[in-house]
């Protein structure tokens, strides 16, 4: 499991695959998540404005990595009270993400811990 510290929250990503392929795809996912961190930040701030009672907590999203690197079957695995609008915004953002030259395919889990 790779852990990255972002602005105001913790990001982790994991997937099942052979070690070398997993390390490659994990590094690519890390790069992609860092590259698109502003989108996730914007989602949180937009939802916080429209839902001022939004509390903090972890949000885990599962997505299938396809052979071409695209993500599909994006679903909320774990949220916190009131996090559904945040999940919907993040889902829209990550639906356009694409992992470069993936060596694996299958499920990925991404967790953001909003503080």
N, C-alpha and C. Protein backbone atom coordinates (compact mmCIF):
# COMPACT_ATOMS: atom_id res chain seq x y z
N UNK A 1 0.85 -1.17 0.00
CA UNK A 1 0.00 0.00 0.00
C UNK A 1 0.89 1.23 0.00
N UNK A 2 0.66 2.15 -0.89
CA UNK A 2 1.41 3.38 -1.01
C UNK A 2 0.61 4.48 -0.33
N UNK A 3 1.27 5.31 0.46
CA UNK A 3 0.60 6.41 1.15
C UNK A 3 1.25 7.72 0.74
N UNK A 4 0.42 8.70 0.44
CA UNK A 4 0.88 10.02 0.04
C UNK A 4 0.19 11.03 0.94
N UNK A 5 0.90 12.02 1.41
CA UNK A 5 0.29 13.06 2.20
C UNK A 5 -0.03 14.24 1.29
N UNK A 6 -1.29 14.63 1.29
CA UNK A 6 -1.74 15.74 0.46
C UNK A 6 -2.14 16.91 1.33
N UNK A 7 -2.72 17.89 0.72
CA UNK A 7 -3.15 19.08 1.44
C UNK A 7 -4.40 18.77 2.26
N UNK A 8 -4.22 18.60 3.55
CA UNK A 8 -5.36 18.42 4.43
C UNK A 8 -5.89 17.01 4.53
N UNK A 9 -5.35 16.08 3.80
CA UNK A 9 -5.84 14.70 3.89
C UNK A 9 -4.78 13.71 3.46
N UNK A 10 -5.03 12.48 3.84
CA UNK A 10 -4.14 11.37 3.55
C UNK A 10 -4.71 10.60 2.38
N UNK A 11 -3.86 10.21 1.45
CA UNK A 11 -4.30 9.47 0.28
C UNK A 11 -3.60 8.12 0.29
N UNK A 12 -4.34 7.06 0.10
CA UNK A 12 -3.70 5.75 -0.05
C UNK A 12 -4.33 5.04 -1.22
N UNK A 13 -3.56 4.19 -1.84
CA UNK A 13 -4.07 3.42 -2.98
C UNK A 13 -3.53 2.01 -2.88
N UNK A 14 -4.37 1.06 -3.24
CA UNK A 14 -3.92 -0.33 -3.22
C UNK A 14 -4.59 -1.11 -4.33
N UNK A 15 -3.98 -2.18 -4.74
CA UNK A 15 -4.56 -3.08 -5.74
C UNK A 15 -3.87 -4.43 -5.62
N UNK A 16 -4.48 -5.47 -6.19
CA UNK A 16 -3.91 -6.82 -6.17
C UNK A 16 -3.26 -7.11 -7.51
N UNK A 17 -1.97 -7.51 -7.49
CA UNK A 17 -1.25 -7.84 -8.72
C UNK A 17 0.14 -8.35 -8.34
N UNK A 18 0.89 -8.92 -9.31
CA UNK A 18 2.29 -9.29 -9.04
C UNK A 18 3.07 -8.05 -8.58
N UNK A 19 4.06 -8.27 -7.73
CA UNK A 19 4.76 -7.16 -7.07
C UNK A 19 5.34 -6.13 -8.04
N UNK A 20 6.09 -6.54 -9.05
CA UNK A 20 6.72 -5.56 -9.95
C UNK A 20 5.68 -4.78 -10.75
N UNK A 21 4.66 -5.47 -11.22
CA UNK A 21 3.59 -4.79 -11.96
C UNK A 21 2.82 -3.86 -11.04
N UNK A 22 2.56 -4.32 -9.82
CA UNK A 22 1.85 -3.51 -8.84
C UNK A 22 2.63 -2.24 -8.51
N UNK A 23 3.95 -2.38 -8.33
CA UNK A 23 4.79 -1.22 -8.03
C UNK A 23 4.75 -0.20 -9.17
N UNK A 24 4.81 -0.68 -10.40
CA UNK A 24 4.73 0.21 -11.56
C UNK A 24 3.40 0.94 -11.58
N UNK A 25 2.30 0.18 -11.49
CA UNK A 25 0.98 0.80 -11.56
C UNK A 25 0.68 1.67 -10.34
N UNK A 26 1.21 1.29 -9.19
CA UNK A 26 1.04 2.10 -7.99
C UNK A 26 1.74 3.45 -8.16
N UNK A 27 2.93 3.44 -8.73
CA UNK A 27 3.66 4.68 -8.98
C UNK A 27 2.90 5.55 -9.98
N UNK A 28 2.33 4.93 -11.00
CA UNK A 28 1.54 5.68 -11.98
C UNK A 28 0.28 6.26 -11.35
N UNK A 29 -0.37 5.48 -10.48
CA UNK A 29 -1.57 5.98 -9.80
C UNK A 29 -1.20 7.13 -8.86
N UNK A 30 -0.08 7.00 -8.16
CA UNK A 30 0.40 8.09 -7.30
C UNK A 30 0.60 9.36 -8.12
N UNK A 31 1.26 9.22 -9.26
CA UNK A 31 1.51 10.37 -10.14
C UNK A 31 0.21 11.00 -10.59
N UNK A 32 -0.73 10.15 -10.98
CA UNK A 32 -2.03 10.63 -11.46
C UNK A 32 -2.80 11.34 -10.34
N UNK A 33 -2.77 10.76 -9.14
CA UNK A 33 -3.46 11.38 -8.01
C UNK A 33 -2.83 12.72 -7.65
N UNK A 34 -1.50 12.78 -7.65
CA UNK A 34 -0.83 14.06 -7.38
C UNK A 34 -1.14 15.09 -8.45
N UNK A 35 -1.12 14.66 -9.70
CA UNK A 35 -1.39 15.55 -10.82
C UNK A 35 -2.79 16.14 -10.74
N UNK A 36 -3.74 15.38 -10.20
CA UNK A 36 -5.13 15.81 -10.16
C UNK A 36 -5.61 16.20 -8.77
N UNK A 37 -4.68 16.43 -7.86
CA UNK A 37 -5.05 16.76 -6.48
C UNK A 37 -5.91 18.02 -6.40
N UNK A 38 -5.66 18.98 -7.25
CA UNK A 38 -6.44 20.23 -7.22
C UNK A 38 -7.92 19.95 -7.50
N UNK A 39 -8.21 18.95 -8.35
CA UNK A 39 -9.60 18.59 -8.64
C UNK A 39 -10.28 18.06 -7.38
N UNK A 40 -9.59 17.23 -6.62
CA UNK A 40 -10.15 16.67 -5.40
C UNK A 40 -10.35 17.77 -4.36
N UNK A 41 -9.36 18.65 -4.23
CA UNK A 41 -9.49 19.79 -3.32
C UNK A 41 -10.70 20.64 -3.69
N UNK A 42 -10.86 20.90 -4.99
CA UNK A 42 -11.99 21.71 -5.45
C UNK A 42 -13.32 21.04 -5.14
N UNK A 43 -13.39 19.73 -5.30
CA UNK A 43 -14.62 19.00 -4.95
C UNK A 43 -14.96 19.22 -3.49
N UNK A 44 -13.98 19.03 -2.61
CA UNK A 44 -14.24 19.18 -1.18
C UNK A 44 -14.73 20.59 -0.86
N UNK A 45 -14.05 21.59 -1.40
CA UNK A 45 -14.43 22.97 -1.10
C UNK A 45 -15.80 23.33 -1.66
N UNK A 46 -16.11 22.86 -2.87
CA UNK A 46 -17.44 23.10 -3.46
C UNK A 46 -18.54 22.47 -2.61
N UNK A 47 -18.32 21.23 -2.22
CA UNK A 47 -19.33 20.53 -1.42
C UNK A 47 -19.45 21.16 -0.04
N UNK A 48 -18.35 21.58 0.54
CA UNK A 48 -18.37 22.21 1.86
C UNK A 48 -19.18 23.50 1.83
N UNK A 49 -19.09 24.26 0.74
CA UNK A 49 -19.86 25.50 0.61
C UNK A 49 -21.35 25.19 0.50
N UNK A 50 -21.70 24.20 -0.30
CA UNK A 50 -23.12 23.88 -0.49
C UNK A 50 -23.70 23.02 0.64
N UNK A 51 -22.84 22.39 1.42
CA UNK A 51 -23.25 21.55 2.55
C UNK A 51 -22.37 21.93 3.75
N UNK A 52 -22.63 23.08 4.39
CA UNK A 52 -21.76 23.57 5.45
C UNK A 52 -21.63 22.63 6.66
N UNK A 53 -22.56 21.70 6.80
CA UNK A 53 -22.48 20.76 7.93
C UNK A 53 -21.64 19.53 7.60
N UNK A 54 -21.04 19.50 6.42
CA UNK A 54 -20.18 18.37 6.04
C UNK A 54 -19.08 18.20 7.07
N UNK A 55 -18.95 16.98 7.59
CA UNK A 55 -17.93 16.71 8.59
C UNK A 55 -16.71 16.08 7.92
N UNK A 56 -15.70 15.81 8.69
CA UNK A 56 -14.48 15.20 8.19
C UNK A 56 -14.56 13.69 8.30
N UNK A 57 -13.67 13.03 7.58
CA UNK A 57 -13.58 11.58 7.68
C UNK A 57 -12.98 10.97 6.44
N UNK A 58 -12.82 9.66 6.47
CA UNK A 58 -12.26 8.95 5.32
C UNK A 58 -13.31 8.66 4.26
N UNK A 59 -12.89 8.70 3.02
CA UNK A 59 -13.75 8.38 1.89
C UNK A 59 -12.97 7.40 1.03
N UNK A 60 -13.48 6.18 0.88
CA UNK A 60 -12.81 5.16 0.09
C UNK A 60 -13.64 4.86 -1.15
N UNK A 61 -12.99 4.94 -2.29
CA UNK A 61 -13.62 4.68 -3.58
C UNK A 61 -12.91 3.52 -4.24
N UNK A 62 -13.69 2.63 -4.81
CA UNK A 62 -13.16 1.49 -5.56
C UNK A 62 -13.43 1.74 -7.03
N UNK A 63 -12.45 1.41 -7.87
CA UNK A 63 -12.62 1.52 -9.31
C UNK A 63 -11.88 0.36 -9.97
N UNK A 64 -12.39 -0.08 -11.10
CA UNK A 64 -11.71 -1.11 -11.87
C UNK A 64 -10.77 -0.43 -12.85
N UNK A 65 -9.51 -0.91 -12.87
CA UNK A 65 -8.54 -0.43 -13.85
C UNK A 65 -8.64 -1.32 -15.07
N UNK A 66 -8.94 -0.72 -16.19
CA UNK A 66 -9.09 -1.45 -17.45
C UNK A 66 -7.74 -1.60 -18.14
N UNK A 67 -7.62 -2.51 -19.11
CA UNK A 67 -6.33 -2.71 -19.80
C UNK A 67 -5.77 -1.45 -20.45
N UNK A 68 -6.64 -0.52 -20.85
CA UNK A 68 -6.17 0.73 -21.47
C UNK A 68 -5.83 1.80 -20.44
N UNK A 69 -5.97 1.48 -19.14
CA UNK A 69 -5.64 2.43 -18.08
C UNK A 69 -6.81 3.27 -17.60
N UNK A 70 -7.93 3.17 -18.28
CA UNK A 70 -9.10 3.93 -17.84
C UNK A 70 -9.69 3.27 -16.59
N UNK A 71 -10.51 4.03 -15.88
CA UNK A 71 -11.16 3.54 -14.67
C UNK A 71 -12.65 3.41 -14.92
N UNK A 72 -13.23 2.31 -14.45
CA UNK A 72 -14.66 2.09 -14.61
C UNK A 72 -15.22 1.48 -13.33
N UNK A 73 -16.52 1.28 -13.30
CA UNK A 73 -17.21 0.70 -12.15
C UNK A 73 -16.80 1.39 -10.85
N UNK A 74 -16.84 2.70 -10.87
CA UNK A 74 -16.44 3.52 -9.73
C UNK A 74 -17.56 3.49 -8.69
N UNK A 75 -17.20 3.11 -7.46
CA UNK A 75 -18.22 3.02 -6.42
C UNK A 75 -17.66 3.44 -5.07
N UNK A 76 -18.56 3.92 -4.23
CA UNK A 76 -18.21 4.31 -2.87
C UNK A 76 -18.14 3.06 -2.01
N UNK A 77 -17.02 2.85 -1.35
CA UNK A 77 -16.84 1.71 -0.45
C UNK A 77 -17.12 2.14 0.98
N UNK A 78 -16.57 3.27 1.37
CA UNK A 78 -16.76 3.78 2.73
C UNK A 78 -16.75 5.29 2.71
N UNK A 79 -17.73 5.86 3.35
CA UNK A 79 -17.81 7.31 3.47
C UNK A 79 -18.05 7.70 4.91
N UNK A 80 -18.45 8.92 5.09
CA UNK A 80 -18.80 9.42 6.41
C UNK A 80 -20.13 10.14 6.28
N UNK A 81 -20.81 10.44 7.38
CA UNK A 81 -22.13 11.07 7.28
C UNK A 81 -22.10 12.32 6.40
N UNK A 82 -22.96 12.35 5.41
CA UNK A 82 -23.06 13.50 4.51
C UNK A 82 -22.07 13.52 3.37
N UNK A 83 -21.31 12.44 3.17
CA UNK A 83 -20.24 12.45 2.16
C UNK A 83 -20.71 12.08 0.74
N UNK A 84 -21.96 11.73 0.56
CA UNK A 84 -22.45 11.32 -0.77
C UNK A 84 -22.20 12.39 -1.85
N UNK A 85 -22.52 13.68 -1.60
CA UNK A 85 -22.22 14.69 -2.63
C UNK A 85 -20.73 14.80 -2.95
N UNK A 86 -19.89 14.61 -1.95
CA UNK A 86 -18.44 14.65 -2.17
C UNK A 86 -18.02 13.48 -3.03
N UNK A 87 -18.54 12.30 -2.72
CA UNK A 87 -18.25 11.12 -3.53
C UNK A 87 -18.66 11.35 -4.98
N UNK A 88 -19.85 11.90 -5.19
CA UNK A 88 -20.34 12.11 -6.56
C UNK A 88 -19.44 13.06 -7.34
N UNK A 89 -18.95 14.09 -6.69
CA UNK A 89 -18.03 15.03 -7.35
C UNK A 89 -16.71 14.34 -7.69
N UNK A 90 -16.15 13.60 -6.73
CA UNK A 90 -14.89 12.91 -6.97
C UNK A 90 -15.06 11.85 -8.04
N UNK A 91 -16.17 11.15 -8.03
CA UNK A 91 -16.43 10.12 -9.05
C UNK A 91 -16.40 10.74 -10.44
N UNK A 92 -17.03 11.90 -10.60
CA UNK A 92 -17.02 12.58 -11.90
C UNK A 92 -15.59 12.92 -12.33
N UNK A 93 -14.78 13.35 -11.39
CA UNK A 93 -13.40 13.71 -11.71
C UNK A 93 -12.57 12.49 -12.10
N UNK A 94 -12.61 11.43 -11.29
CA UNK A 94 -11.73 10.29 -11.58
C UNK A 94 -12.20 9.45 -12.76
N UNK A 95 -13.44 9.65 -13.19
CA UNK A 95 -13.93 8.92 -14.37
C UNK A 95 -13.13 9.27 -15.63
N UNK A 96 -12.49 10.44 -15.63
CA UNK A 96 -11.70 10.85 -16.80
C UNK A 96 -10.21 10.52 -16.65
N UNK A 97 -9.80 10.01 -15.50
CA UNK A 97 -8.39 9.68 -15.28
C UNK A 97 -7.99 8.45 -16.08
N UNK A 98 -6.74 8.40 -16.47
CA UNK A 98 -6.23 7.25 -17.20
C UNK A 98 -4.79 6.99 -16.76
N UNK A 99 -4.53 5.77 -16.31
CA UNK A 99 -3.20 5.37 -15.88
C UNK A 99 -2.36 5.05 -17.11
N UNK A 100 -1.16 5.65 -17.21
CA UNK A 100 -0.30 5.43 -18.37
C UNK A 100 0.32 4.03 -18.34
N UNK A 101 0.28 3.35 -19.46
CA UNK A 101 0.93 2.05 -19.65
C UNK A 101 0.71 1.07 -18.50
N UNK A 102 -0.54 0.77 -18.17
CA UNK A 102 -0.78 -0.14 -17.04
C UNK A 102 -0.27 -1.56 -17.33
N UNK A 103 0.27 -2.19 -16.30
CA UNK A 103 0.72 -3.57 -16.40
C UNK A 103 -0.27 -4.53 -15.75
N UNK A 104 -1.21 -3.97 -15.02
CA UNK A 104 -2.21 -4.77 -14.33
C UNK A 104 -3.59 -4.26 -14.71
N UNK A 105 -4.58 -4.98 -14.26
CA UNK A 105 -5.94 -4.50 -14.36
C UNK A 105 -6.70 -5.09 -13.19
N UNK A 106 -7.84 -4.54 -12.93
CA UNK A 106 -8.62 -5.02 -11.81
C UNK A 106 -8.91 -3.92 -10.82
N UNK A 107 -9.31 -4.30 -9.61
CA UNK A 107 -9.78 -3.29 -8.65
C UNK A 107 -8.65 -2.47 -8.03
N UNK A 108 -8.95 -1.21 -7.85
CA UNK A 108 -8.08 -0.27 -7.12
C UNK A 108 -8.94 0.35 -6.03
N UNK A 109 -8.36 0.64 -4.91
CA UNK A 109 -9.05 1.39 -3.87
C UNK A 109 -8.25 2.65 -3.59
N UNK A 110 -8.95 3.77 -3.54
CA UNK A 110 -8.35 5.06 -3.25
C UNK A 110 -9.05 5.62 -2.03
N UNK A 111 -8.28 6.01 -1.02
CA UNK A 111 -8.85 6.56 0.19
C UNK A 111 -8.31 7.96 0.43
N UNK A 112 -9.21 8.88 0.64
CA UNK A 112 -8.87 10.24 1.03
C UNK A 112 -9.37 10.45 2.44
N UNK A 113 -8.56 11.01 3.30
CA UNK A 113 -9.00 11.33 4.65
C UNK A 113 -9.10 12.84 4.76
N UNK A 114 -10.32 13.34 4.75
CA UNK A 114 -10.57 14.77 4.79
C UNK A 114 -10.56 15.25 6.24
N UNK A 115 -9.84 16.34 6.50
CA UNK A 115 -9.74 16.90 7.84
C UNK A 115 -10.26 18.30 7.87
